[in-house]
Amino acid sequence: MIESPSPARTRIKICGLTREQDVEAAAAAGADAVGFVLYPKSPRYVSAARAAELAARLPPLVTPVLLFVNASAADVIAASAGVTGAVLQFHGDETAAECATVAARCQRPYWRAARIPAQGGAGLDLLEFARDYSSAQAILLDTLVDGFGGGGKTFNWSRLPPSVPAHLVLSGGLTPANVGAGLAWLRGRGLSLAIDVSSGVESAKGIKDAGKIRQFAAAVRAADASA
């Protein structure tokens, strides 16, 4: 008997970690990546030195991601030097040339956040955006809010293009209750689809809840199994 192929395993990133116990909870729940926010105006901000301390607690095969918002090249280079194997995530107004140049200087891959209006793609041509940032490892889809992310709001998933020539990471307002629906809407619209959560697994801004992290991971796995 020919067995049906197993569904694709959706990769999970838990972002905005500030405490050792949250890093450990994310790894224990099976997160593939964890994010550290190096944007001083964010309630989830950690310094480059603190990010390095937290990343050092990660087990093998869990990728640290360093999130920057309009940071100087010197700051990005210095921060990445302290975190082995880190991926860079640019979440501000960085141009394609700026992202590619600093990532090459760091010798690290990068993700580029696309900030999407809550009611859909009006004001952002995602296909053009993906072409402009074709050197990015992935395009992260986040909701356009004040403060460059972490606002706990979703955008209208149904209004995204049906085929985007990039690896996609869905973010913005995800929770254990709605992540399955988000996966159902976007699965197959990019080269691959991963998931990024921050506020949806918190008890307070910057304070993760281990139980919610486990629930979120379980919801993603359930969605994979039913795909």
C-alpha atoms as a PDB file:
ATOM      1  CA  MET A   1       0.000   0.000   0.000  1.00  0.00           C
ATOM      2  CA  ILE A   2       1.313   3.446  -0.928  1.00  0.00           C
ATOM      3  CA  GLU A   3       1.263   5.778   2.052  1.00  0.00           C
ATOM      4  CA  SER A   4       0.136   9.365   1.678  1.00  0.00           C
ATOM      5  CA  PRO A   5       2.922  11.909   2.192  1.00  0.00           C
ATOM      6  CA  SER A   6       3.095  13.467   5.635  1.00  0.00           C
ATOM      7  CA  PRO A   7       1.882  17.067   5.873  1.00  0.00           C
ATOM      8  CA  ALA A   8       4.535  19.750   5.932  1.00  0.00           C
ATOM      9  CA  ARG A   9       5.734  20.661   9.408  1.00  0.00           C
ATOM     10  CA  THR A  10       5.103  24.347  10.052  1.00  0.00           C
ATOM     11  CA  ARG A  11       8.085  26.002  11.669  1.00  0.00           C
ATOM     12  CA  ILE A  12       7.415  28.145  14.731  1.00  0.00           C
ATOM     13  CA  LYS A  13       9.156  31.288  15.979  1.00  0.00           C
ATOM     14  CA  ILE A  14       8.423  32.708  19.432  1.00  0.00           C
ATOM     15  CA  CYS A  15       9.398  36.400  19.437  1.00  0.00           C
ATOM     16  CA  GLY A  16      10.024  39.063  22.048  1.00  0.00           C
ATOM     17  CA  LEU A  17      11.750  36.919  24.679  1.00  0.00           C
ATOM     18  CA  THR A  18      13.244  38.717  27.657  1.00  0.00           C
ATOM     19  CA  ARG A  19      13.724  36.019  30.331  1.00  0.00           C
ATOM     20  CA  GLU A  20      15.676  32.780  30.672  1.00  0.00           C
ATOM     21  CA  GLN A  21      12.577  30.780  31.604  1.00  0.00           C
ATOM     22  CA  ASP A  22      10.818  31.974  28.462  1.00  0.00           C
ATOM     23  CA  VAL A  23      13.707  30.846  26.267  1.00  0.00           C
ATOM     24  CA  GLU A  24      13.575  27.451  27.945  1.00  0.00           C
ATOM     25  CA  ALA A  25       9.786  27.223  27.584  1.00  0.00           C
ATOM     26  CA  ALA A  26       9.957  28.027  23.877  1.00  0.00           C
ATOM     27  CA  ALA A  27      12.638  25.413  23.271  1.00  0.00           C
ATOM     28  CA  ALA A  28      10.764  22.812  25.318  1.00  0.00           C
ATOM     29  CA  ALA A  29       7.601  23.392  23.270  1.00  0.00           C
ATOM     30  CA  GLY A  30       9.492  22.675  20.053  1.00  0.00           C
ATOM     31  CA  ALA A  31      10.054  26.190  18.714  1.00  0.00           C
ATOM     32  CA  ASP A  32      12.344  26.288  15.707  1.00  0.00           C
ATOM     33  CA  ALA A  33      13.411  29.899  16.323  1.00  0.00           C
ATOM     34  CA  VAL A  34      13.186  32.545  19.023  1.00  0.00           C
ATOM     35  CA  GLY A  35      13.315  36.290  18.560  1.00  0.00           C
ATOM     36  CA  PHE A  36      15.001  39.046  20.534  1.00  0.00           C
ATOM     37  CA  VAL A  37      13.838  42.628  19.981  1.00  0.00           C
ATOM     38  CA  LEU A  38      16.734  45.104  19.813  1.00  0.00           C
ATOM     39  CA  TYR A  39      14.471  48.128  19.342  1.00  0.00           C
ATOM     40  CA  PRO A  40      14.704  50.408  22.401  1.00  0.00           C
ATOM     41  CA  LYS A  41      11.146  51.739  22.063  1.00  0.00           C
ATOM     42  CA  SER A  42       9.614  48.271  22.287  1.00  0.00           C
ATOM     43  CA  PRO A  43       8.271  46.958  25.639  1.00  0.00           C
ATOM     44  CA  ARG A  44      10.047  43.719  24.705  1.00  0.00           C
ATOM     45  CA  TYR A  45      13.431  45.395  24.184  1.00  0.00           C
ATOM     46  CA  VAL A  46      16.619  43.681  25.252  1.00  0.00           C
ATOM     47  CA  SER A  47      20.136  44.997  24.777  1.00  0.00           C
ATOM     48  CA  ALA A  48      22.568  43.257  22.457  1.00  0.00           C
ATOM     49  CA  ALA A  49      24.432  41.927  25.483  1.00  0.00           C
ATOM     50  CA  ARG A  50      21.229  40.581  27.023  1.00  0.00           C
ATOM     51  CA  ALA A  51      20.219  38.962  23.716  1.00  0.00           C
ATOM     52  CA  ALA A  52      23.588  37.214  23.649  1.00  0.00           C
ATOM     53  CA  GLU A  53      23.057  35.933  27.205  1.00  0.00           C
ATOM     54  CA  LEU A  54      19.628  34.576  26.391  1.00  0.00           C
ATOM     55  CA  ALA A  55      20.654  33.075  23.048  1.00  0.00           C
ATOM     56  CA  ALA A  56      23.481  31.200  24.765  1.00  0.00           C
ATOM     57  CA  ARG A  57      20.828  29.134  26.573  1.00  0.00           C
ATOM     58  CA  LEU A  58      19.337  27.791  23.340  1.00  0.00           C
ATOM     59  CA  PRO A  59      19.809  24.113  22.525  1.00  0.00           C
ATOM     60  CA  PRO A  60      21.148  23.020  19.124  1.00  0.00           C
ATOM     61  CA  LEU A  61      18.879  23.541  16.099  1.00  0.00           C
ATOM     62  CA  VAL A  62      16.901  26.402  17.648  1.00  0.00           C
ATOM     63  CA  THR A  63      17.728  29.561  15.679  1.00  0.00           C
ATOM     64  CA  PRO A  64      18.094  32.966  17.365  1.00  0.00           C
ATOM     65  CA  VAL A  65      16.602  35.887  15.428  1.00  0.00           C
ATOM     66  CA  LEU A  66      17.656  39.478  16.144  1.00  0.00           C
ATOM     67  CA  LEU A  67      14.966  42.067  15.347  1.00  0.00           C
ATOM     68  CA  PHE A  68      16.048  45.577  14.362  1.00  0.00           C
ATOM     69  CA  VAL A  69      14.081  48.727  13.548  1.00  0.00           C
ATOM     70  CA  ASN A  70      16.058  51.352  11.606  1.00  0.00           C
ATOM     71  CA  ALA A  71      19.240  50.464  13.475  1.00  0.00           C
ATOM     72  CA  SER A  72      22.642  51.615  12.259  1.00  0.00           C
ATOM     73  CA  ALA A  73      24.793  49.158  10.354  1.00  0.00           C
ATOM     74  CA  ALA A  74      27.364  49.338  13.129  1.00  0.00           C
ATOM     75  CA  ASP A  75      24.792  48.332  15.756  1.00  0.00           C
ATOM     76  CA  VAL A  76      23.515  45.421  13.656  1.00  0.00           C
ATOM     77  CA  ILE A  77      27.037  44.162  13.007  1.00  0.00           C
ATOM     78  CA  ALA A  78      28.010  44.421  16.675  1.00  0.00           C
ATOM     79  CA  ALA A  79      24.871  42.660  17.889  1.00  0.00           C
ATOM     80  CA  SER A  80      25.128  39.828  15.380  1.00  0.00           C
ATOM     81  CA  ALA A  81      28.765  39.251  16.292  1.00  0.00           C
ATOM     82  CA  GLY A  82      27.665  38.356  19.819  1.00  0.00           C
ATOM     83  CA  VAL A  83      25.041  35.764  18.835  1.00  0.00           C
ATOM     84  CA  THR A  84      26.314  32.730  16.973  1.00  0.00           C
ATOM     85  CA  GLY A  85      24.111  31.625  14.104  1.00  0.00           C
ATOM     86  CA  ALA A  86      21.656  34.507  14.405  1.00  0.00           C
ATOM     87  CA  VAL A  87      19.284  35.483  11.621  1.00  0.00           C
ATOM     88  CA  LEU A  88      18.670  39.215  11.168  1.00  0.00           C
ATOM     89  CA  GLN A  89      15.105  40.554  10.998  1.00  0.00           C
ATOM     90  CA  PHE A  90      14.584  44.058   9.635  1.00  0.00           C
ATOM     91  CA  HIS A  91      11.300  45.529  10.770  1.00  0.00           C
ATOM     92  CA  GLY A  92      11.559  49.245  10.032  1.00  0.00           C
ATOM     93  CA  ASP A  93      12.060  51.356   6.912  1.00  0.00           C
ATOM     94  CA  GLU A  94      15.241  49.640   5.731  1.00  0.00           C
ATOM     95  CA  THR A  95      15.675  49.551   1.958  1.00  0.00           C
ATOM     96  CA  ALA A  96      16.484  46.401   0.047  1.00  0.00           C
ATOM     97  CA  ALA A  97      20.027  47.637  -0.555  1.00  0.00           C
ATOM     98  CA  GLU A  98      20.548  48.451   3.129  1.00  0.00           C
ATOM     99  CA  CYS A  99      19.301  45.034   4.225  1.00  0.00           C
ATOM    100  CA  ALA A 100      21.415  43.156   1.712  1.00  0.00           C
ATOM    101  CA  THR A 101      24.533  45.184   2.452  1.00  0.00           C
ATOM    102  CA  VAL A 102      24.490  44.840   6.223  1.00  0.00           C
ATOM    103  CA  ALA A 103      23.500  41.154   6.055  1.00  0.00           C
ATOM    104  CA  ALA A 104      26.447  40.499   3.753  1.00  0.00           C
ATOM    105  CA  ARG A 105      28.783  42.330   6.135  1.00  0.00           C
ATOM    106  CA  CYS A 106      27.467  40.200   8.994  1.00  0.00           C
ATOM    107  CA  GLN A 107      27.541  37.062   6.823  1.00  0.00           C
ATOM    108  CA  ARG A 108      24.044  36.235   8.055  1.00  0.00           C
ATOM    109  CA  PRO A 109      20.704  35.597   6.329  1.00  0.00           C
ATOM    110  CA  TYR A 110      17.950  38.111   6.883  1.00  0.00           C
ATOM    111  CA  TRP A 111      14.176  38.336   7.025  1.00  0.00           C
ATOM    112  CA  ARG A 112      12.271  41.432   5.943  1.00  0.00           C
ATOM    113  CA  ALA A 113       8.990  42.407   7.596  1.00  0.00           C
ATOM    114  CA  ALA A 114       6.145  43.524   5.327  1.00  0.00           C
ATOM    115  CA  ARG A 115       3.760  45.684   7.354  1.00  0.00           C
ATOM    116  CA  ILE A 116       0.287  45.028   5.991  1.00  0.00           C
ATOM    117  CA  PRO A 117      -2.760  47.231   6.653  1.00  0.00           C
ATOM    118  CA  ALA A 118      -5.319  45.456   8.825  1.00  0.00           C
ATOM    119  CA  GLN A 119      -7.934  45.282   6.074  1.00  0.00           C
ATOM    120  CA  GLY A 120      -5.631  43.756   3.508  1.00  0.00           C
ATOM    121  CA  GLY A 121      -3.024  44.655   0.958  1.00  0.00           C
ATOM    122  CA  ALA A 122      -4.163  48.181   0.099  1.00  0.00           C
ATOM    123  CA  GLY A 123      -1.099  50.395   0.201  1.00  0.00           C
ATOM    124  CA  LEU A 124       1.353  47.493  -0.058  1.00  0.00           C
ATOM    125  CA  ASP A 125       2.030  45.474  -3.197  1.00  0.00           C
ATOM    126  CA  LEU A 126       3.322  42.250  -1.646  1.00  0.00           C
ATOM    127  CA  LEU A 127       4.472  40.821  -4.974  1.00  0.00           C
ATOM    128  CA  GLU A 128       6.558  43.914  -5.683  1.00  0.00           C
ATOM    129  CA  PHE A 129       7.821  43.897  -2.087  1.00  0.00           C
ATOM    130  CA  ALA A 130       8.934  40.264  -2.399  1.00  0.00           C
ATOM    131  CA  ARG A 131      10.725  41.041  -5.655  1.00  0.00           C
ATOM    132  CA  ASP A 132      12.463  44.060  -4.139  1.00  0.00           C
ATOM    133  CA  TYR A 133      13.681  41.982  -1.190  1.00  0.00           C
ATOM    134  CA  SER A 134      14.474  38.865  -3.192  1.00  0.00           C
ATOM    135  CA  SER A 135      17.755  38.440  -1.283  1.00  0.00           C
ATOM    136  CA  ALA A 136      15.807  37.935   1.968  1.00  0.00           C
ATOM    137  CA  GLN A 137      15.582  34.420   3.339  1.00  0.00           C
ATOM    138  CA  ALA A 138      11.927  35.090   4.158  1.00  0.00           C
ATOM    139  CA  ILE A 139       9.246  37.786   4.085  1.00  0.00           C
ATOM    140  CA  LEU A 140       7.518  38.192   7.449  1.00  0.00           C
ATOM    141  CA  LEU A 141       3.881  39.278   7.148  1.00  0.00           C
ATOM    142  CA  ASP A 142       2.944  41.536  10.059  1.00  0.00           C
ATOM    143  CA  THR A 143       0.080  43.920  10.733  1.00  0.00           C
ATOM    144  CA  LEU A 144       0.688  47.633  10.250  1.00  0.00           C
ATOM    145  CA  VAL A 145       0.397  49.143  13.752  1.00  0.00           C
ATOM    146  CA  ASP A 146       2.032  51.961  15.664  1.00  0.00           C
ATOM    147  CA  GLY A 147       5.288  50.846  17.214  1.00  0.00           C
ATOM    148  CA  PHE A 148       6.531  48.424  14.520  1.00  0.00           C
ATOM    149  CA  GLY A 149       4.759  45.217  15.506  1.00  0.00           C
ATOM    150  CA  GLY A 150       3.759  43.428  18.667  1.00  0.00           C
ATOM    151  CA  GLY A 151       0.322  45.052  18.674  1.00  0.00           C
ATOM    152  CA  GLY A 152      -1.687  41.848  18.839  1.00  0.00           C
ATOM    153  CA  LYS A 153      -3.737  42.632  15.729  1.00  0.00           C
ATOM    154  CA  THR A 154      -4.353  40.458  12.688  1.00  0.00           C
ATOM    155  CA  PHE A 155      -4.683  41.610   9.103  1.00  0.00           C
ATOM    156  CA  ASN A 156      -7.138  40.307   6.507  1.00  0.00           C
ATOM    157  CA  TRP A 157      -5.434  37.086   5.432  1.00  0.00           C
ATOM    158  CA  SER A 158      -7.899  36.448   2.605  1.00  0.00           C
ATOM    159  CA  ARG A 159      -6.746  39.508   0.651  1.00  0.00           C
ATOM    160  CA  LEU A 160      -3.153  38.406   0.146  1.00  0.00           C
ATOM    161  CA  PRO A 161      -2.020  37.361  -3.347  1.00  0.00           C
ATOM    162  CA  PRO A 162      -2.545  33.653  -4.103  1.00  0.00           C
ATOM    163  CA  SER A 163       1.094  33.091  -5.060  1.00  0.00           C
ATOM    164  CA  VAL A 164       4.069  34.980  -3.611  1.00  0.00           C
ATOM    165  CA  PRO A 165       7.609  34.093  -4.798  1.00  0.00           C
ATOM    166  CA  ALA A 166       9.106  33.966  -1.299  1.00  0.00           C
ATOM    167  CA  HIS A 167       9.218  31.942   1.886  1.00  0.00           C
ATOM    168  CA  LEU A 168       6.570  33.498   4.141  1.00  0.00           C
ATOM    169  CA  VAL A 169       6.376  33.904   7.912  1.00  0.00           C
ATOM    170  CA  LEU A 170       2.890  34.765   9.183  1.00  0.00           C
ATOM    171  CA  SER A 171       2.782  37.112  12.166  1.00  0.00           C
ATOM    172  CA  GLY A 172       0.433  39.670  13.704  1.00  0.00           C
ATOM    173  CA  GLY A 173      -2.171  38.896  16.352  1.00  0.00           C
ATOM    174  CA  LEU A 174      -1.787  35.124  16.298  1.00  0.00           C
ATOM    175  CA  THR A 175      -3.044  33.079  19.260  1.00  0.00           C
ATOM    176  CA  PRO A 176      -3.676  29.399  19.993  1.00  0.00           C
ATOM    177  CA  ALA A 177      -7.302  30.040  18.984  1.00  0.00           C
ATOM    178  CA  ASN A 178      -6.719  31.543  15.526  1.00  0.00           C
ATOM    179  CA  VAL A 179      -3.386  30.192  14.281  1.00  0.00           C
ATOM    180  CA  GLY A 180      -5.071  27.216  12.619  1.00  0.00           C
ATOM    181  CA  ALA A 181      -7.284  29.530  10.583  1.00  0.00           C
ATOM    182  CA  GLY A 182      -4.274  31.617   9.579  1.00  0.00           C
ATOM    183  CA  LEU A 183      -2.452  28.529   8.370  1.00  0.00           C
ATOM    184  CA  ALA A 184      -5.501  27.390   6.425  1.00  0.00           C
ATOM    185  CA  TRP A 185      -5.745  30.752   4.614  1.00  0.00           C
ATOM    186  CA  LEU A 186      -2.062  31.128   3.760  1.00  0.00           C
ATOM    187  CA  ARG A 187      -0.746  27.599   3.347  1.00  0.00           C
ATOM    188  CA  GLY A 188       0.496  27.221  -0.227  1.00  0.00           C
ATOM    189  CA  ARG A 189       0.574  30.948  -1.011  1.00  0.00           C
ATOM    190  CA  GLY A 190       4.355  31.153  -0.689  1.00  0.00           C
ATOM    191  CA  LEU A 191       7.318  28.842  -1.214  1.00  0.00           C
ATOM    192  CA  SER A 192       6.781  27.762   2.399  1.00  0.00           C
ATOM    193  CA  LEU A 193       4.909  29.054   5.439  1.00  0.00           C
ATOM    194  CA  ALA A 194       6.171  29.528   8.991  1.00  0.00           C
ATOM    195  CA  ILE A 195       4.522  31.136  12.024  1.00  0.00           C
ATOM    196  CA  ASP A 196       5.711  33.935  14.332  1.00  0.00           C
ATOM    197  CA  VAL A 197       3.970  34.755  17.632  1.00  0.00           C
ATOM    198  CA  SER A 198       4.670  37.260  20.394  1.00  0.00           C
ATOM    199  CA  SER A 199       1.742  38.868  22.234  1.00  0.00           C
ATOM    200  CA  GLY A 200      -0.454  35.803  21.727  1.00  0.00           C
ATOM    201  CA  VAL A 201       1.618  33.767  24.184  1.00  0.00           C
ATOM    202  CA  GLU A 202       2.140  36.435  26.843  1.00  0.00           C
ATOM    203  CA  SER A 203       0.772  37.100  30.306  1.00  0.00           C
ATOM    204  CA  ALA A 204       2.069  40.699  30.025  1.00  0.00           C
ATOM    205  CA  LYS A 205       4.136  42.565  27.443  1.00  0.00           C
ATOM    206  CA  GLY A 206       7.531  40.922  27.339  1.00  0.00           C
ATOM    207  CA  ILE A 207       6.513  38.177  29.771  1.00  0.00           C
ATOM    208  CA  LYS A 208       5.785  34.872  28.080  1.00  0.00           C
ATOM    209  CA  ASP A 209       3.393  32.251  29.472  1.00  0.00           C
ATOM    210  CA  ALA A 210       4.751  28.699  29.218  1.00  0.00           C
ATOM    211  CA  GLY A 211       1.249  27.246  29.099  1.00  0.00           C
ATOM    212  CA  LYS A 212       0.215  29.490  26.222  1.00  0.00           C
ATOM    213  CA  ILE A 213       3.400  28.610  24.343  1.00  0.00           C
ATOM    214  CA  ARG A 214       2.569  24.908  24.666  1.00  0.00           C
ATOM    215  CA  GLN A 215      -1.022  25.545  23.573  1.00  0.00           C
ATOM    216  CA  PHE A 216       0.159  27.535  20.567  1.00  0.00           C
ATOM    217  CA  ALA A 217       2.577  24.828  19.465  1.00  0.00           C
ATOM    218  CA  ALA A 218      -0.118  22.191  19.889  1.00  0.00           C
ATOM    219  CA  ALA A 219      -2.540  24.245  17.768  1.00  0.00           C
ATOM    220  CA  VAL A 220       0.029  24.515  14.977  1.00  0.00           C
ATOM    221  CA  ARG A 221       0.676  20.770  15.049  1.00  0.00           C
ATOM    222  CA  ALA A 222      -3.063  20.077  14.972  1.00  0.00           C
ATOM    223  CA  ALA A 223      -3.406  22.334  11.933  1.00  0.00           C
ATOM    224  CA  ASP A 224      -0.548  20.499  10.226  1.00  0.00           C
ATOM    225  CA  ALA A 225      -2.166  17.145  10.909  1.00  0.00           C
ATOM    226  CA  SER A 226      -5.457  18.240   9.379  1.00  0.00           C
ATOM    227  CA  ALA A 227      -3.904  19.878   6.294  1.00  0.00           C
END
